[in-house]
């Protein structure tokens, strides 16, 4: 059984027991999260494809971590002009363990 959910402007294929890293969601570690925007659902035999969403399917999970990803360096440079700018960025994320998919 799997589903494709949309959150944070991206789409993720999930199954029960998966740990998913998504864009930061509000909530503490241990709190529950429900994804209502399910685009595809499969129970192993039948596949339901939403137009644009599948009705009556919800994916439930639990927040296991809140953190920041590895640092990405942004370096701007113009030759012969003495122009150099260095900047770092760490994107926040939320790790979610998928508990069940309700159909």
PDB file of N, CA and C in Angstrom:
ATOM      1  N   UNK A   1       0.846  -1.167   0.000  1.00  0.00           N
ATOM      2  CA  UNK A   1       0.000   0.000   0.000  1.00  0.00           C
ATOM      3  C   UNK A   1       0.895   1.236   0.000  1.00  0.00           C
ATOM      4  N   UNK A   2       0.622   2.156  -0.918  1.00  0.00           N
ATOM      5  CA  UNK A   2       1.378   3.402  -0.966  1.00  0.00           C
ATOM      6  C   UNK A   2       0.462   4.530  -1.417  1.00  0.00           C
ATOM      7  N   UNK A   3       0.969   5.755  -1.233  1.00  0.00           N
ATOM      8  CA  UNK A   3       0.228   6.935  -1.665  1.00  0.00           C
ATOM      9  C   UNK A   3       1.233   8.000  -2.090  1.00  0.00           C
ATOM     10  N   UNK A   4       0.780   8.918  -2.903  1.00  0.00           N
ATOM     11  CA  UNK A   4       1.581  10.078  -3.283  1.00  0.00           C
ATOM     12  C   UNK A   4       0.895  11.300  -2.683  1.00  0.00           C
ATOM     13  N   UNK A   5       1.630  12.006  -1.792  1.00  0.00           N
ATOM     14  CA  UNK A   5       1.067  13.178  -1.127  1.00  0.00           C
ATOM     15  C   UNK A   5       1.810  14.426  -1.580  1.00  0.00           C
ATOM     16  N   UNK A   6       1.134  15.560  -1.500  1.00  0.00           N
ATOM     17  CA  UNK A   6       1.728  16.841  -1.856  1.00  0.00           C
ATOM     18  C   UNK A   6       1.798  17.706  -0.604  1.00  0.00           C
ATOM     19  N   UNK A   7       2.986  18.222  -0.320  1.00  0.00           N
ATOM     20  CA  UNK A   7       3.181  19.157   0.794  1.00  0.00           C
ATOM     21  C   UNK A   7       4.404  20.004   0.509  1.00  0.00           C
ATOM     22  N   UNK A   8       4.329  21.264   0.851  1.00  0.00           N
ATOM     23  CA  UNK A   8       5.463  22.158   0.655  1.00  0.00           C
ATOM     24  C   UNK A   8       5.822  22.381  -0.798  1.00  0.00           C
ATOM     25  N   UNK A   9       4.853  22.225  -1.707  1.00  0.00           N
ATOM     26  CA  UNK A   9       5.121  22.436  -3.117  1.00  0.00           C
ATOM     27  C   UNK A   9       5.801  21.262  -3.799  1.00  0.00           C
ATOM     28  N   UNK A  10       5.948  20.138  -3.100  1.00  0.00           N
ATOM     29  CA  UNK A  10       6.592  18.953  -3.660  1.00  0.00           C
ATOM     30  C   UNK A  10       5.680  17.747  -3.482  1.00  0.00           C
ATOM     31  N   UNK A  11       6.008  16.667  -4.193  1.00  0.00           N
ATOM     32  CA  UNK A  11       5.228  15.443  -4.113  1.00  0.00           C
ATOM     33  C   UNK A  11       6.111  14.317  -3.614  1.00  0.00           C
ATOM     34  N   UNK A  12       5.568  13.472  -2.739  1.00  0.00           N
ATOM     35  CA  UNK A  12       6.331  12.388  -2.119  1.00  0.00           C
ATOM     36  C   UNK A  12       5.543  11.094  -2.202  1.00  0.00           C
ATOM     37  N   UNK A  13       6.233  10.008  -2.554  1.00  0.00           N
ATOM     38  CA  UNK A  13       5.619   8.677  -2.522  1.00  0.00           C
ATOM     39  C   UNK A  13       5.904   8.088  -1.152  1.00  0.00           C
ATOM     40  N   UNK A  14       4.858   7.701  -0.423  1.00  0.00           N
ATOM     41  CA  UNK A  14       5.011   7.221   0.949  1.00  0.00           C
ATOM     42  C   UNK A  14       4.319   5.878   1.129  1.00  0.00           C
ATOM     43  N   UNK A  15       4.857   5.099   2.065  1.00  0.00           N
ATOM     44  CA  UNK A  15       4.245   3.848   2.501  1.00  0.00           C
ATOM     45  C   UNK A  15       4.300   3.838   4.022  1.00  0.00           C
ATOM     46  N   UNK A  16       3.583   2.917   4.653  1.00  0.00           N
ATOM     47  CA  UNK A  16       3.576   2.847   6.112  1.00  0.00           C
ATOM     48  C   UNK A  16       4.970   2.488   6.620  1.00  0.00           C
ATOM     49  N   UNK A  17       5.427   3.225   7.639  1.00  0.00           N
ATOM     50  CA  UNK A  17       6.736   2.984   8.228  1.00  0.00           C
ATOM     51  C   UNK A  17       7.845   3.833   7.639  1.00  0.00           C
ATOM     52  N   UNK A  18       7.599   4.555   6.549  1.00  0.00           N
ATOM     53  CA  UNK A  18       8.622   5.408   5.935  1.00  0.00           C
ATOM     54  C   UNK A  18       8.894   6.626   6.803  1.00  0.00           C
ATOM     55  N   UNK A  19      10.125   7.123   6.729  1.00  0.00           N
ATOM     56  CA  UNK A  19      10.469   8.399   7.363  1.00  0.00           C
ATOM     57  C   UNK A  19      10.702   9.395   6.238  1.00  0.00           C
ATOM     58  N   UNK A  20       9.980  10.502   6.306  1.00  0.00           N
ATOM     59  CA  UNK A  20       9.909  11.471   5.228  1.00  0.00           C
ATOM     60  C   UNK A  20      10.442  12.808   5.716  1.00  0.00           C
ATOM     61  N   UNK A  21      11.336  13.436   4.924  1.00  0.00           N
ATOM     62  CA  UNK A  21      11.825  14.773   5.255  1.00  0.00           C
ATOM     63  C   UNK A  21      11.163  15.775   4.331  1.00  0.00           C
ATOM     64  N   UNK A  22      10.341  16.652   4.915  1.00  0.00           N
ATOM     65  CA  UNK A  22       9.579  17.630   4.139  1.00  0.00           C
ATOM     66  C   UNK A  22       9.976  19.035   4.580  1.00  0.00           C
ATOM     67  N   UNK A  23       9.451  20.016   3.861  1.00  0.00           N
ATOM     68  CA  UNK A  23       9.644  21.408   4.267  1.00  0.00           C
ATOM     69  C   UNK A  23       9.074  21.602   5.661  1.00  0.00           C
ATOM     70  N   UNK A  24       9.596  22.564   6.393  1.00  0.00           N
ATOM     71  CA  UNK A  24       9.246  22.740   7.799  1.00  0.00           C
ATOM     72  C   UNK A  24       7.739  22.880   7.999  1.00  0.00           C
ATOM     73  N   UNK A  25       7.224  22.059   8.940  1.00  0.00           N
ATOM     74  CA  UNK A  25       5.833  22.135   9.364  1.00  0.00           C
ATOM     75  C   UNK A  25       5.794  22.525  10.835  1.00  0.00           C
ATOM     76  N   UNK A  26       4.781  23.255  11.222  1.00  0.00           N
ATOM     77  CA  UNK A  26       4.640  23.654  12.615  1.00  0.00           C
ATOM     78  C   UNK A  26       4.250  22.439  13.452  1.00  0.00           C
ATOM     79  N   UNK A  27       4.840  22.332  14.637  1.00  0.00           N
ATOM     80  CA  UNK A  27       4.512  21.225  15.533  1.00  0.00           C
ATOM     81  C   UNK A  27       5.734  20.762  16.294  1.00  0.00           C
ATOM     82  N   UNK A  28       5.496  20.163  17.454  1.00  0.00           N
ATOM     83  CA  UNK A  28       6.577  19.650  18.288  1.00  0.00           C
ATOM     84  C   UNK A  28       6.836  18.189  17.943  1.00  0.00           C
ATOM     85  N   UNK A  29       7.980  17.694  18.423  1.00  0.00           N
ATOM     86  CA  UNK A  29       8.315  16.289  18.237  1.00  0.00           C
ATOM     87  C   UNK A  29       7.289  15.441  18.984  1.00  0.00           C
ATOM     88  N   UNK A  30       6.740  14.440  18.312  1.00  0.00           N
ATOM     89  CA  UNK A  30       5.726  13.580  18.903  1.00  0.00           C
ATOM     90  C   UNK A  30       4.303  13.941  18.514  1.00  0.00           C
ATOM     91  N   UNK A  31       4.092  15.129  17.963  1.00  0.00           N
ATOM     92  CA  UNK A  31       2.734  15.500  17.566  1.00  0.00           C
ATOM     93  C   UNK A  31       2.381  14.852  16.231  1.00  0.00           C
ATOM     94  N   UNK A  32       1.078  14.717  15.976  1.00  0.00           N
ATOM     95  CA  UNK A  32       0.626  14.027  14.777  1.00  0.00           C
ATOM     96  C   UNK A  32       0.373  15.009  13.640  1.00  0.00           C
ATOM     97  N   UNK A  33       0.506  14.492  12.415  1.00  0.00           N
ATOM     98  CA  UNK A  33       0.303  15.277  11.208  1.00  0.00           C
ATOM     99  C   UNK A  33      -0.573  14.457  10.271  1.00  0.00           C
ATOM    100  N   UNK A  34      -1.506  15.119   9.589  1.00  0.00           N
ATOM    101  CA  UNK A  34      -2.357  14.440   8.611  1.00  0.00           C
ATOM    102  C   UNK A  34      -2.220  15.152   7.267  1.00  0.00           C
ATOM    103  N   UNK A  35      -2.018  14.363   6.215  1.00  0.00           N
ATOM    104  CA  UNK A  35      -1.935  14.894   4.855  1.00  0.00           C
ATOM    105  C   UNK A  35      -3.238  14.542   4.139  1.00  0.00           C
ATOM    106  N   UNK A  36      -4.013  15.570   3.771  1.00  0.00           N
ATOM    107  CA  UNK A  36      -5.278  15.365   3.080  1.00  0.00           C
ATOM    108  C   UNK A  36      -5.119  15.433   1.568  1.00  0.00           C
ATOM    109  N   UNK A  37      -4.043  16.067   1.107  1.00  0.00           N
ATOM    110  CA  UNK A  37      -3.831  16.244  -0.323  1.00  0.00           C
ATOM    111  C   UNK A  37      -3.125  15.011  -0.884  1.00  0.00           C
ATOM    112  N   UNK A  38      -3.901  13.963  -1.142  1.00  0.00           N
ATOM    113  CA  UNK A  38      -3.379  12.701  -1.677  1.00  0.00           C
ATOM    114  C   UNK A  38      -3.682  12.669  -3.170  1.00  0.00           C
ATOM    115  N   UNK A  39      -2.634  12.506  -3.990  1.00  0.00           N
ATOM    116  CA  UNK A  39      -2.796  12.556  -5.439  1.00  0.00           C
ATOM    117  C   UNK A  39      -3.008  11.171  -6.052  1.00  0.00           C
ATOM    118  N   UNK A  40      -2.324  10.150  -5.505  1.00  0.00           N
ATOM    119  CA  UNK A  40      -2.451   8.774  -5.986  1.00  0.00           C
ATOM    120  C   UNK A  40      -2.526   7.863  -4.774  1.00  0.00           C
ATOM    121  N   UNK A  41      -3.379   6.822  -4.853  1.00  0.00           N
ATOM    122  CA  UNK A  41      -3.474   5.842  -3.787  1.00  0.00           C
ATOM    123  C   UNK A  41      -3.526   4.453  -4.391  1.00  0.00           C
ATOM    124  N   UNK A  42      -2.750   3.526  -3.836  1.00  0.00           N
ATOM    125  CA  UNK A  42      -2.753   2.138  -4.284  1.00  0.00           C
ATOM    126  C   UNK A  42      -2.822   1.231  -3.072  1.00  0.00           C
ATOM    127  N   UNK A  43      -3.730   0.230  -3.133  1.00  0.00           N
ATOM    128  CA  UNK A  43      -3.840  -0.729  -2.038  1.00  0.00           C
ATOM    129  C   UNK A  43      -3.167  -2.055  -2.388  1.00  0.00           C
ATOM    130  N   UNK A  44      -2.393  -2.106  -3.454  1.00  0.00           N
ATOM    131  CA  UNK A  44      -1.713  -3.314  -3.872  1.00  0.00           C
ATOM    132  C   UNK A  44      -2.333  -3.921  -5.115  1.00  0.00           C
ATOM    133  N   UNK A  45      -3.633  -3.774  -5.281  1.00  0.00           N
ATOM    134  CA  UNK A  45      -4.321  -4.311  -6.452  1.00  0.00           C
ATOM    135  C   UNK A  45      -4.898  -3.203  -7.325  1.00  0.00           C
ATOM    136  N   UNK A  46      -5.563  -2.253  -6.682  1.00  0.00           N
ATOM    137  CA  UNK A  46      -6.212  -1.162  -7.412  1.00  0.00           C
ATOM    138  C   UNK A  46      -5.442   0.130  -7.190  1.00  0.00           C
ATOM    139  N   UNK A  47      -5.416   0.955  -8.230  1.00  0.00           N
ATOM    140  CA  UNK A  47      -4.767   2.260  -8.154  1.00  0.00           C
ATOM    141  C   UNK A  47      -5.816   3.328  -8.418  1.00  0.00           C
ATOM    142  N   UNK A  48      -5.904   4.306  -7.490  1.00  0.00           N
ATOM    143  CA  UNK A  48      -6.817   5.429  -7.676  1.00  0.00           C
ATOM    144  C   UNK A  48      -5.980   6.664  -7.977  1.00  0.00           C
ATOM    145  N   UNK A  49      -6.296   7.341  -9.054  1.00  0.00           N
ATOM    146  CA  UNK A  49      -5.593   8.564  -9.438  1.00  0.00           C
ATOM    147  C   UNK A  49      -6.566   9.715  -9.286  1.00  0.00           C
ATOM    148  N   UNK A  50      -6.179  10.730  -8.540  1.00  0.00           N
ATOM    149  CA  UNK A  50      -7.065  11.853  -8.259  1.00  0.00           C
ATOM    150  C   UNK A  50      -7.157  12.823  -9.410  1.00  0.00           C
ATOM    151  N   UNK A  51      -8.247  13.595  -9.405  1.00  0.00           N
ATOM    152  CA  UNK A  51      -8.464  14.606 -10.424  1.00  0.00           C
ATOM    153  C   UNK A  51      -8.799  15.939  -9.779  1.00  0.00           C
ATOM    154  N   UNK A  52      -7.974  16.647  -9.078  1.00  0.00           N
ATOM    155  CA  UNK A  52      -6.545  16.432  -8.840  1.00  0.00           C
ATOM    156  C   UNK A  52      -6.246  15.636  -7.576  1.00  0.00           C
ATOM    157  N   UNK A  53      -7.233  15.448  -6.673  1.00  0.00           N
ATOM    158  CA  UNK A  53      -6.974  14.733  -5.423  1.00  0.00           C
ATOM    159  C   UNK A  53      -7.917  13.548  -5.287  1.00  0.00           C
ATOM    160  N   UNK A  54      -7.464  12.532  -4.532  1.00  0.00           N
ATOM    161  CA  UNK A  54      -8.294  11.366  -4.257  1.00  0.00           C
ATOM    162  C   UNK A  54      -9.149  11.680  -3.033  1.00  0.00           C
ATOM    163  N   UNK A  55     -10.463  11.487  -3.145  1.00  0.00           N
ATOM    164  CA  UNK A  55     -11.370  11.767  -2.030  1.00  0.00           C
ATOM    165  C   UNK A  55     -11.380  10.599  -1.048  1.00  0.00           C
ATOM    166  N   UNK A  56     -11.451  10.900   0.240  1.00  0.00           N
ATOM    167  CA  UNK A  56     -11.601   9.882   1.266  1.00  0.00           C
ATOM    168  C   UNK A  56     -10.323   9.177   1.669  1.00  0.00           C
ATOM    169  N   UNK A  57      -9.163   9.679   1.255  1.00  0.00           N
ATOM    170  CA  UNK A  57      -7.884   9.062   1.636  1.00  0.00           C
ATOM    171  C   UNK A  57      -7.077  10.084   2.425  1.00  0.00           C
ATOM    172  N   UNK A  58      -6.566   9.654   3.585  1.00  0.00           N
ATOM    173  CA  UNK A  58      -5.762  10.513   4.445  1.00  0.00           C
ATOM    174  C   UNK A  58      -4.524   9.746   4.887  1.00  0.00           C
ATOM    175  N   UNK A  59      -3.394  10.420   4.910  1.00  0.00           N
ATOM    176  CA  UNK A  59      -2.144   9.829   5.374  1.00  0.00           C
ATOM    177  C   UNK A  59      -1.820  10.444   6.729  1.00  0.00           C
ATOM    178  N   UNK A  60      -1.637   9.601   7.746  1.00  0.00           N
ATOM    179  CA  UNK A  60      -1.343  10.064   9.098  1.00  0.00           C
ATOM    180  C   UNK A  60       0.102   9.743   9.449  1.00  0.00           C
ATOM    181  N   UNK A  61       0.746  10.693  10.133  1.00  0.00           N
ATOM    182  CA  UNK A  61       2.130  10.498  10.540  1.00  0.00           C
ATOM    183  C   UNK A  61       2.412  11.187  11.853  1.00  0.00           C
ATOM    184  N   UNK A  62       3.649  11.032  12.308  1.00  0.00           N
ATOM    185  CA  UNK A  62       4.076  11.610  13.571  1.00  0.00           C
ATOM    186  C   UNK A  62       5.422  12.292  13.351  1.00  0.00           C
ATOM    187  N   UNK A  63       5.583  13.484  13.918  1.00  0.00           N
ATOM    188  CA  UNK A  63       6.838  14.225  13.779  1.00  0.00           C
ATOM    189  C   UNK A  63       7.899  13.572  14.649  1.00  0.00           C
ATOM    190  N   UNK A  64       9.039  13.216  14.029  1.00  0.00           N
ATOM    191  CA  UNK A  64      10.122  12.591  14.780  1.00  0.00           C
ATOM    192  C   UNK A  64      11.327  13.515  14.942  1.00  0.00           C
ATOM    193  N   UNK A  65      11.441  14.561  14.112  1.00  0.00           N
ATOM    194  CA  UNK A  65      12.581  15.483  14.236  1.00  0.00           C
ATOM    195  C   UNK A  65      12.256  16.807  13.563  1.00  0.00           C
ATOM    196  N   UNK A  66      12.829  17.865  14.116  1.00  0.00           N
ATOM    197  CA  UNK A  66      12.818  19.198  13.506  1.00  0.00           C
ATOM    198  C   UNK A  66      14.284  19.617  13.428  1.00  0.00           C
ATOM    199  N   UNK A  67      14.734  20.100  12.295  1.00  0.00           N
ATOM    200  CA  UNK A  67      16.140  20.473  12.201  1.00  0.00           C
ATOM    201  C   UNK A  67      16.439  21.303  10.970  1.00  0.00           C
ATOM    202  N   UNK A  68      17.748  21.416  10.688  1.00  0.00           N
ATOM    203  CA  UNK A  68      18.214  22.140   9.511  1.00  0.00           C
ATOM    204  C   UNK A  68      19.092  21.226   8.690  1.00  0.00           C
ATOM    205  N   UNK A  69      19.004  21.372   7.364  1.00  0.00           N
ATOM    206  CA  UNK A  69      19.822  20.563   6.471  1.00  0.00           C
ATOM    207  C   UNK A  69      21.251  21.078   6.446  1.00  0.00           C
ATOM    208  N   UNK A  70      22.118  20.404   5.688  1.00  0.00           N
ATOM    209  CA  UNK A  70      23.505  20.831   5.577  1.00  0.00           C
ATOM    210  C   UNK A  70      23.580  22.201   4.923  1.00  0.00           C
ATOM    211  N   UNK A  71      24.657  22.926   5.227  1.00  0.00           N
ATOM    212  CA  UNK A  71      24.820  24.275   4.717  1.00  0.00           C
ATOM    213  C   UNK A  71      25.129  24.261   3.223  1.00  0.00           C
ATOM    214  N   UNK A  72      24.469  25.163   2.512  1.00  0.00           N
ATOM    215  CA  UNK A  72      24.726  25.382   1.096  1.00  0.00           C
ATOM    216  C   UNK A  72      25.409  26.733   0.978  1.00  0.00           C
ATOM    217  N   UNK A  73      26.552  26.790   0.289  1.00  0.00           N
ATOM    218  CA  UNK A  73      27.276  28.045   0.114  1.00  0.00           C
ATOM    219  C   UNK A  73      26.854  28.717  -1.181  1.00  0.00           C
ATOM    220  N   UNK A  74      26.577  30.021  -1.087  1.00  0.00           N
ATOM    221  CA  UNK A  74      26.244  30.835  -2.254  1.00  0.00           C
ATOM    222  C   UNK A  74      27.398  31.807  -2.428  1.00  0.00           C
ATOM    223  N   UNK A  75      28.097  31.727  -3.573  1.00  0.00           N
ATOM    224  CA  UNK A  75      29.265  32.560  -3.805  1.00  0.00           C
ATOM    225  C   UNK A  75      29.070  33.330  -5.098  1.00  0.00           C
ATOM    226  N   UNK A  76      29.039  34.668  -4.982  1.00  0.00           N
ATOM    227  CA  UNK A  76      28.890  35.528  -6.154  1.00  0.00           C
ATOM    228  C   UNK A  76      30.247  36.142  -6.456  1.00  0.00           C
ATOM    229  N   UNK A  77      30.571  36.239  -7.745  1.00  0.00           N
ATOM    230  CA  UNK A  77      31.907  36.683  -8.134  1.00  0.00           C
ATOM    231  C   UNK A  77      31.834  37.346  -9.499  1.00  0.00           C
ATOM    232  N   UNK A  78      32.475  38.530  -9.621  1.00  0.00           N
ATOM    233  CA  UNK A  78      32.626  39.176 -10.924  1.00  0.00           C
ATOM    234  C   UNK A  78      34.114  39.418 -11.143  1.00  0.00           C
ATOM    235  N   UNK A  79      34.607  38.870 -12.211  1.00  0.00           N
ATOM    236  CA  UNK A  79      36.042  38.960 -12.461  1.00  0.00           C
ATOM    237  C   UNK A  79      36.471  40.390 -12.772  1.00  0.00           C
ATOM    238  N   UNK A  80      37.668  40.728 -12.329  1.00  0.00           N
ATOM    239  CA  UNK A  80      38.338  42.018 -12.556  1.00  0.00           C
ATOM    240  C   UNK A  80      37.616  43.200 -11.919  1.00  0.00           C
ATOM    241  N   UNK A  81      36.636  42.965 -11.045  1.00  0.00           N
ATOM    242  CA  UNK A  81      35.889  44.070 -10.439  1.00  0.00           C
ATOM    243  C   UNK A  81      36.005  44.076  -8.921  1.00  0.00           C
ATOM    244  N   UNK A  82      36.766  43.162  -8.341  1.00  0.00           N
ATOM    245  CA  UNK A  82      36.927  43.025  -6.885  1.00  0.00           C
ATOM    246  C   UNK A  82      35.582  42.816  -6.196  1.00  0.00           C
ATOM    247  N   UNK A  83      34.704  42.071  -6.836  1.00  0.00           N
ATOM    248  CA  UNK A  83      33.389  41.816  -6.270  1.00  0.00           C
ATOM    249  C   UNK A  83      33.294  40.343  -5.890  1.00  0.00           C
ATOM    250  N   UNK A  84      33.183  40.102  -4.583  1.00  0.00           N
ATOM    251  CA  UNK A  84      33.011  38.741  -4.074  1.00  0.00           C
ATOM    252  C   UNK A  84      32.053  38.788  -2.899  1.00  0.00           C
ATOM    253  N   UNK A  85      31.050  37.917  -2.916  1.00  0.00           N
ATOM    254  CA  UNK A  85      30.107  37.815  -1.811  1.00  0.00           C
ATOM    255  C   UNK A  85      29.923  36.341  -1.477  1.00  0.00           C
ATOM    256  N   UNK A  86      30.070  36.006  -0.214  1.00  0.00           N
ATOM    257  CA  UNK A  86      29.909  34.635   0.231  1.00  0.00           C
ATOM    258  C   UNK A  86      28.785  34.601   1.264  1.00  0.00           C
ATOM    259  N   UNK A  87      27.851  33.679   1.060  1.00  0.00           N
ATOM    260  CA  UNK A  87      26.706  33.584   1.957  1.00  0.00           C
ATOM    261  C   UNK A  87      26.340  32.117   2.116  1.00  0.00           C
ATOM    262  N   UNK A  88      25.920  31.737   3.313  1.00  0.00           N
ATOM    263  CA  UNK A  88      25.498  30.371   3.574  1.00  0.00           C
ATOM    264  C   UNK A  88      24.000  30.317   3.836  1.00  0.00           C
ATOM    265  N   UNK A  89      23.423  29.132   3.620  1.00  0.00           N
ATOM    266  CA  UNK A  89      21.986  28.948   3.837  1.00  0.00           C
ATOM    267  C   UNK A  89      21.743  27.537   4.342  1.00  0.00           C
ATOM    268  N   UNK A  90      20.924  27.400   5.387  1.00  0.00           N
ATOM    269  CA  UNK A  90      20.508  26.090   5.903  1.00  0.00           C
ATOM    270  C   UNK A  90      18.993  26.040   5.904  1.00  0.00           C
ATOM    271  N   UNK A  91      18.443  25.128   5.117  1.00  0.00           N
ATOM    272  CA  UNK A  91      16.999  25.012   4.960  1.00  0.00           C
ATOM    273  C   UNK A  91      16.416  24.199   6.116  1.00  0.00           C
ATOM    274  N   UNK A  92      15.396  24.710   6.808  1.00  0.00           N
ATOM    275  CA  UNK A  92      14.765  23.927   7.880  1.00  0.00           C
ATOM    276  C   UNK A  92      13.915  22.789   7.308  1.00  0.00           C
ATOM    277  N   UNK A  93      13.821  21.681   8.051  1.00  0.00           N
ATOM    278  CA  UNK A  93      13.035  20.539   7.611  1.00  0.00           C
ATOM    279  C   UNK A  93      12.308  19.928   8.800  1.00  0.00           C
ATOM    280  N   UNK A  94      11.342  19.079   8.490  1.00  0.00           N
ATOM    281  CA  UNK A  94      10.620  18.289   9.473  1.00  0.00           C
ATOM    282  C   UNK A  94      10.656  16.836   9.021  1.00  0.00           C
ATOM    283  N   UNK A  95      11.079  15.942   9.903  1.00  0.00           N
ATOM    284  CA  UNK A  95      11.085  14.506   9.601  1.00  0.00           C
ATOM    285  C   UNK A  95       9.821  13.889  10.169  1.00  0.00           C
ATOM    286  N   UNK A  96       9.110  13.131   9.337  1.00  0.00           N
ATOM    287  CA  UNK A  96       7.828  12.548   9.717  1.00  0.00           C
ATOM    288  C   UNK A  96       7.857  11.046   9.470  1.00  0.00           C
ATOM    289  N   UNK A  97       7.407  10.275  10.459  1.00  0.00           N
ATOM    290  CA  UNK A  97       7.246   8.827  10.284  1.00  0.00           C
ATOM    291  C   UNK A  97       5.792   8.570   9.900  1.00  0.00           C
ATOM    292  N   UNK A  98       5.568   7.886   8.787  1.00  0.00           N
ATOM    293  CA  UNK A  98       4.225   7.599   8.314  1.00  0.00           C
ATOM    294  C   UNK A  98       3.677   6.418   9.106  1.00  0.00           C
ATOM    295  N   UNK A  99       2.581   6.644   9.833  1.00  0.00           N
ATOM    296  CA  UNK A  99       1.994   5.608  10.669  1.00  0.00           C
ATOM    297  C   UNK A  99       0.965   4.766   9.920  1.00  0.00           C
ATOM    298  N   UNK A 100       0.022   5.436   9.230  1.00  0.00           N
ATOM    299  CA  UNK A 100      -1.007   4.678   8.534  1.00  0.00           C
ATOM    300  C   UNK A 100      -1.574   5.489   7.377  1.00  0.00           C
ATOM    301  N   UNK A 101      -2.140   4.749   6.429  1.00  0.00           N
ATOM    302  CA  UNK A 101      -2.824   5.357   5.299  1.00  0.00           C
ATOM    303  C   UNK A 101      -4.278   4.901   5.375  1.00  0.00           C
ATOM    304  N   UNK A 102      -5.179   5.858   5.585  1.00  0.00           N
ATOM    305  CA  UNK A 102      -6.608   5.542   5.713  1.00  0.00           C
ATOM    306  C   UNK A 102      -7.318   5.742   4.397  1.00  0.00           C
ATOM    307  N   UNK A 103      -8.039   4.731   3.979  1.00  0.00           N
ATOM    308  CA  UNK A 103      -8.810   4.856   2.737  1.00  0.00           C
ATOM    309  C   UNK A 103     -10.291   4.711   3.063  1.00  0.00           C
TER     310      UNK A 103
END
